[in-house]
Amino acid sequence: MQRSKIDVWVGLFVLIGGVAILFLALQAANLLSLSFQPTYRVTAMFDNAGGLKPKAAVRSAGVVVGRVESIGFDDQTFQARVVLALESRYAFPKDSSFKILTSGLLGEQYVGIDPGGMDDNLAQGDVITLTQSAVVLENLIGQFLFNRAADAADTGAPQ
């Protein structure tokens, strides 16, 4: 009797530990967002969404103010359409600019908001066109190499 009681408690403890590890893994992978705040959806149009993923953070001044809901392609403007769910307690002016930024040198990408100065605030369904696309590392390297090759051709000296 005493042995089976201990086995039940050990099993319960292991089960709770497993659930806690699963919760931490989902939270660390940014696959679980526990926010019960009401949200409003806005759409931002980017020339290049880079490696931005759904459920990525939307931050302003380093504070998470929402999440990326979905990413799609607009075949009329040939831009990436990013739907953002912003928490209702945060109001941003309509002329705010949205940027795709990277955490650290090669970290995950997120959307950053620079608030504007208008009196009117963003509302459900608004479309933002004042955006700055993701910086693609391959493009930067390609431009650097192209410029080095052009400089070498101009001077006539091999590098």
C-alpha atoms as a PDB file:
ATOM      1  CA  MET A   1       0.000   0.000   0.000  1.00  0.00           C
ATOM      2  CA  GLN A   2       2.747   2.430   0.971  1.00  0.00           C
ATOM      3  CA  ARG A   3       4.757   1.551  -2.178  1.00  0.00           C
ATOM      4  CA  SER A   4       1.874   2.253  -4.581  1.00  0.00           C
ATOM      5  CA  LYS A   5       1.181   5.608  -2.919  1.00  0.00           C
ATOM      6  CA  ILE A   6       4.789   6.665  -3.499  1.00  0.00           C
ATOM      7  CA  ASP A   7       4.601   5.473  -7.118  1.00  0.00           C
ATOM      8  CA  VAL A   8       1.512   7.612  -7.706  1.00  0.00           C
ATOM      9  CA  TRP A   9       3.207  10.718  -6.273  1.00  0.00           C
ATOM     10  CA  VAL A  10       6.385  10.102  -8.288  1.00  0.00           C
ATOM     11  CA  GLY A  11       4.332   9.609 -11.463  1.00  0.00           C
ATOM     12  CA  LEU A  12       2.383  12.810 -10.807  1.00  0.00           C
ATOM     13  CA  PHE A  13       5.607  14.734 -10.189  1.00  0.00           C
ATOM     14  CA  VAL A  14       7.148  13.413 -13.444  1.00  0.00           C
ATOM     15  CA  LEU A  15       3.979  14.334 -15.369  1.00  0.00           C
ATOM     16  CA  ILE A  16       4.000  17.899 -14.004  1.00  0.00           C
ATOM     17  CA  GLY A  17       7.718  18.202 -14.850  1.00  0.00           C
ATOM     18  CA  GLY A  18       7.071  17.010 -18.415  1.00  0.00           C
ATOM     19  CA  VAL A  19       4.275  19.534 -18.891  1.00  0.00           C
ATOM     20  CA  ALA A  20       6.509  22.309 -17.520  1.00  0.00           C
ATOM     21  CA  ILE A  21       9.336  21.387 -19.931  1.00  0.00           C
ATOM     22  CA  LEU A  22       6.888  21.287 -22.871  1.00  0.00           C
ATOM     23  CA  PHE A  23       5.551  24.725 -21.877  1.00  0.00           C
ATOM     24  CA  LEU A  24       9.067  26.193 -21.661  1.00  0.00           C
ATOM     25  CA  ALA A  25      10.075  24.667 -25.013  1.00  0.00           C
ATOM     26  CA  LEU A  26       7.016  26.116 -26.769  1.00  0.00           C
ATOM     27  CA  GLN A  27       7.561  29.498 -25.126  1.00  0.00           C
ATOM     28  CA  ALA A  28      11.258  29.567 -26.078  1.00  0.00           C
ATOM     29  CA  ALA A  29      10.460  28.616 -29.688  1.00  0.00           C
ATOM     30  CA  ASN A  30       7.918  31.447 -29.831  1.00  0.00           C
ATOM     31  CA  LEU A  31       5.144  28.953 -30.672  1.00  0.00           C
ATOM     32  CA  LEU A  32       3.059  29.766 -27.636  1.00  0.00           C
ATOM     33  CA  SER A  33       1.828  33.220 -26.804  1.00  0.00           C
ATOM     34  CA  LEU A  34      -0.342  33.505 -23.758  1.00  0.00           C
ATOM     35  CA  SER A  35      -1.923  36.901 -24.092  1.00  0.00           C
ATOM     36  CA  PHE A  36      -5.548  37.347 -23.195  1.00  0.00           C
ATOM     37  CA  GLN A  37      -5.606  41.010 -24.203  1.00  0.00           C
ATOM     38  CA  PRO A  38      -8.074  42.088 -26.906  1.00  0.00           C
ATOM     39  CA  THR A  39      -6.379  42.891 -30.219  1.00  0.00           C
ATOM     40  CA  TYR A  40      -6.964  44.838 -33.406  1.00  0.00           C
ATOM     41  CA  ARG A  41      -5.599  43.816 -36.789  1.00  0.00           C
ATOM     42  CA  VAL A  42      -3.668  46.015 -39.180  1.00  0.00           C
ATOM     43  CA  THR A  43      -1.931  45.096 -42.420  1.00  0.00           C
ATOM     44  CA  ALA A  44       1.579  46.246 -43.307  1.00  0.00           C
ATOM     45  CA  MET A  45       2.887  46.063 -46.883  1.00  0.00           C
ATOM     46  CA  PHE A  46       6.613  45.228 -47.225  1.00  0.00           C
ATOM     47  CA  ASP A  47       8.766  44.939 -50.352  1.00  0.00           C
ATOM     48  CA  ASN A  48      10.614  42.031 -48.729  1.00  0.00           C
ATOM     49  CA  ALA A  49       9.480  40.129 -45.627  1.00  0.00           C
ATOM     50  CA  GLY A  50      12.821  38.295 -45.365  1.00  0.00           C
ATOM     51  CA  GLY A  51      12.695  35.491 -42.802  1.00  0.00           C
ATOM     52  CA  LEU A  52       9.785  36.923 -40.817  1.00  0.00           C
ATOM     53  CA  LYS A  53       7.522  34.168 -39.487  1.00  0.00           C
ATOM     54  CA  PRO A  54       3.959  34.058 -38.201  1.00  0.00           C
ATOM     55  CA  LYS A  55       3.738  34.565 -34.415  1.00  0.00           C
ATOM     56  CA  ALA A  56       6.897  36.707 -34.464  1.00  0.00           C
ATOM     57  CA  ALA A  57       6.883  39.580 -31.991  1.00  0.00           C
ATOM     58  CA  VAL A  58       5.785  43.110 -32.817  1.00  0.00           C
ATOM     59  CA  ARG A  59       7.766  45.520 -30.633  1.00  0.00           C
ATOM     60  CA  SER A  60       7.857  49.197 -29.909  1.00  0.00           C
ATOM     61  CA  ALA A  61      10.585  50.607 -27.665  1.00  0.00           C
ATOM     62  CA  GLY A  62      11.638  47.023 -26.892  1.00  0.00           C
ATOM     63  CA  VAL A  63       8.211  46.058 -25.518  1.00  0.00           C
ATOM     64  CA  VAL A  64       6.129  43.337 -27.179  1.00  0.00           C
ATOM     65  CA  VAL A  65       2.897  45.040 -28.275  1.00  0.00           C
ATOM     66  CA  GLY A  66       1.530  42.350 -30.569  1.00  0.00           C
ATOM     67  CA  ARG A  67       2.244  39.379 -32.836  1.00  0.00           C
ATOM     68  CA  VAL A  68       2.500  38.674 -36.559  1.00  0.00           C
ATOM     69  CA  GLU A  69      -0.684  36.847 -37.466  1.00  0.00           C
ATOM     70  CA  SER A  70      -0.033  35.880 -41.080  1.00  0.00           C
ATOM     71  CA  ILE A  71       2.212  36.607 -44.055  1.00  0.00           C
ATOM     72  CA  GLY A  72       1.025  36.478 -47.645  1.00  0.00           C
ATOM     73  CA  PHE A  73       1.716  37.813 -51.117  1.00  0.00           C
ATOM     74  CA  ASP A  74      -0.325  40.552 -52.767  1.00  0.00           C
ATOM     75  CA  ASP A  75      -0.346  39.857 -56.505  1.00  0.00           C
ATOM     76  CA  GLN A  76      -1.614  43.369 -57.288  1.00  0.00           C
ATOM     77  CA  THR A  77       1.247  45.323 -55.696  1.00  0.00           C
ATOM     78  CA  PHE A  78       3.804  42.455 -55.676  1.00  0.00           C
ATOM     79  CA  GLN A  79       4.521  43.031 -52.019  1.00  0.00           C
ATOM     80  CA  ALA A  80       4.428  40.922 -48.879  1.00  0.00           C
ATOM     81  CA  ARG A  81       1.213  41.460 -46.911  1.00  0.00           C
ATOM     82  CA  VAL A  82       1.849  41.057 -43.173  1.00  0.00           C
ATOM     83  CA  VAL A  83      -1.188  40.980 -40.892  1.00  0.00           C
ATOM     84  CA  LEU A  84      -0.372  42.151 -37.362  1.00  0.00           C
ATOM     85  CA  ALA A  85      -2.476  41.627 -34.244  1.00  0.00           C
ATOM     86  CA  LEU A  86      -1.728  44.587 -31.949  1.00  0.00           C
ATOM     87  CA  GLU A  87      -2.968  44.672 -28.370  1.00  0.00           C
ATOM     88  CA  SER A  88      -5.837  47.139 -27.961  1.00  0.00           C
ATOM     89  CA  ARG A  89      -4.258  48.791 -24.935  1.00  0.00           C
ATOM     90  CA  TYR A  90      -1.522  50.163 -27.225  1.00  0.00           C
ATOM     91  CA  ALA A  91      -2.590  52.893 -29.655  1.00  0.00           C
ATOM     92  CA  PHE A  92      -0.213  54.040 -32.385  1.00  0.00           C
ATOM     93  CA  PRO A  93      -0.595  57.097 -34.647  1.00  0.00           C
ATOM     94  CA  LYS A  94      -1.626  56.419 -38.257  1.00  0.00           C
ATOM     95  CA  ASP A  95       1.702  57.734 -39.576  1.00  0.00           C
ATOM     96  CA  SER A  96       3.780  55.230 -37.577  1.00  0.00           C
ATOM     97  CA  SER A  97       6.469  53.393 -39.534  1.00  0.00           C
ATOM     98  CA  PHE A  98       6.945  49.644 -39.398  1.00  0.00           C
ATOM     99  CA  LYS A  99      10.312  47.913 -39.910  1.00  0.00           C
ATOM    100  CA  ILE A 100      11.429  44.305 -40.043  1.00  0.00           C
ATOM    101  CA  LEU A 101      14.381  44.056 -37.665  1.00  0.00           C
ATOM    102  CA  THR A 102      16.645  41.274 -36.417  1.00  0.00           C
ATOM    103  CA  SER A 103      17.457  40.393 -32.806  1.00  0.00           C
ATOM    104  CA  GLY A 104      21.249  40.420 -32.711  1.00  0.00           C
ATOM    105  CA  LEU A 105      23.411  39.660 -35.744  1.00  0.00           C
ATOM    106  CA  LEU A 106      21.708  36.485 -36.938  1.00  0.00           C
ATOM    107  CA  GLY A 107      18.772  36.221 -34.518  1.00  0.00           C
ATOM    108  CA  GLU A 108      15.071  35.937 -35.179  1.00  0.00           C
ATOM    109  CA  GLN A 109      13.252  38.685 -37.032  1.00  0.00           C
ATOM    110  CA  TYR A 110      10.476  40.821 -35.605  1.00  0.00           C
ATOM    111  CA  VAL A 111       8.457  43.879 -36.589  1.00  0.00           C
ATOM    112  CA  GLY A 112       9.466  47.160 -34.955  1.00  0.00           C
ATOM    113  CA  ILE A 113       7.151  50.161 -34.730  1.00  0.00           C
ATOM    114  CA  ASP A 114       8.362  53.762 -34.704  1.00  0.00           C
ATOM    115  CA  PRO A 115       5.405  55.904 -33.579  1.00  0.00           C
ATOM    116  CA  GLY A 116       4.479  58.898 -35.704  1.00  0.00           C
ATOM    117  CA  GLY A 117       3.004  62.220 -34.654  1.00  0.00           C
ATOM    118  CA  MET A 118      -0.572  62.278 -35.994  1.00  0.00           C
ATOM    119  CA  ASP A 119      -3.562  62.697 -33.719  1.00  0.00           C
ATOM    120  CA  ASP A 120      -5.515  59.857 -35.380  1.00  0.00           C
ATOM    121  CA  ASN A 121      -4.614  56.335 -34.242  1.00  0.00           C
ATOM    122  CA  LEU A 122      -4.466  53.067 -36.133  1.00  0.00           C
ATOM    123  CA  ALA A 123      -7.717  51.114 -36.122  1.00  0.00           C
ATOM    124  CA  GLN A 124      -8.973  47.674 -37.103  1.00  0.00           C
ATOM    125  CA  GLY A 125      -8.329  46.976 -40.792  1.00  0.00           C
ATOM    126  CA  ASP A 126      -5.929  49.852 -41.512  1.00  0.00           C
ATOM    127  CA  VAL A 127      -3.227  49.283 -44.152  1.00  0.00           C
ATOM    128  CA  ILE A 128       0.257  50.638 -43.473  1.00  0.00           C
ATOM    129  CA  THR A 129       2.479  51.471 -46.439  1.00  0.00           C
ATOM    130  CA  LEU A 130       5.174  53.404 -44.551  1.00  0.00           C
ATOM    131  CA  THR A 131       7.427  50.375 -44.066  1.00  0.00           C
ATOM    132  CA  GLN A 132      11.067  49.353 -44.245  1.00  0.00           C
ATOM    133  CA  SER A 133      11.793  45.835 -45.480  1.00  0.00           C
ATOM    134  CA  ALA A 134      14.065  43.256 -43.964  1.00  0.00           C
ATOM    135  CA  VAL A 135      17.803  43.537 -44.570  1.00  0.00           C
ATOM    136  CA  VAL A 136      18.844  40.404 -46.450  1.00  0.00           C
ATOM    137  CA  LEU A 137      22.427  39.408 -45.667  1.00  0.00           C
ATOM    138  CA  GLU A 138      22.951  37.825 -49.101  1.00  0.00           C
ATOM    139  CA  ASN A 139      22.015  41.110 -50.813  1.00  0.00           C
ATOM    140  CA  LEU A 140      24.472  43.072 -48.651  1.00  0.00           C
ATOM    141  CA  ILE A 141      27.289  40.645 -49.448  1.00  0.00           C
ATOM    142  CA  GLY A 142      26.428  40.776 -53.158  1.00  0.00           C
ATOM    143  CA  GLN A 143      26.487  44.593 -53.166  1.00  0.00           C
ATOM    144  CA  PHE A 144      29.808  44.619 -51.325  1.00  0.00           C
ATOM    145  CA  LEU A 145      31.400  42.214 -53.799  1.00  0.00           C
ATOM    146  CA  PHE A 146      29.954  44.091 -56.771  1.00  0.00           C
ATOM    147  CA  ASN A 147      31.323  47.403 -55.458  1.00  0.00           C
ATOM    148  CA  ARG A 148      34.760  45.851 -54.827  1.00  0.00           C
ATOM    149  CA  ALA A 149      34.797  44.463 -58.385  1.00  0.00           C
ATOM    150  CA  ALA A 150      33.726  47.840 -59.809  1.00  0.00           C
ATOM    151  CA  ASP A 151      36.466  49.632 -57.812  1.00  0.00           C
ATOM    152  CA  ALA A 152      39.043  47.153 -59.071  1.00  0.00           C
ATOM    153  CA  ALA A 153      37.895  47.678 -62.671  1.00  0.00           C
ATOM    154  CA  ASP A 154      38.057  51.469 -62.292  1.00  0.00           C
ATOM    155  CA  THR A 155      41.615  51.463 -60.955  1.00  0.00           C
ATOM    156  CA  GLY A 156      42.751  48.732 -63.316  1.00  0.00           C
ATOM    157  CA  ALA A 157      44.567  46.914 -60.526  1.00  0.00           C
ATOM    158  CA  PRO A 158      43.622  43.352 -59.525  1.00  0.00           C
ATOM    159  CA  GLN A 159      42.622  42.944 -55.908  1.00  0.00           C
END
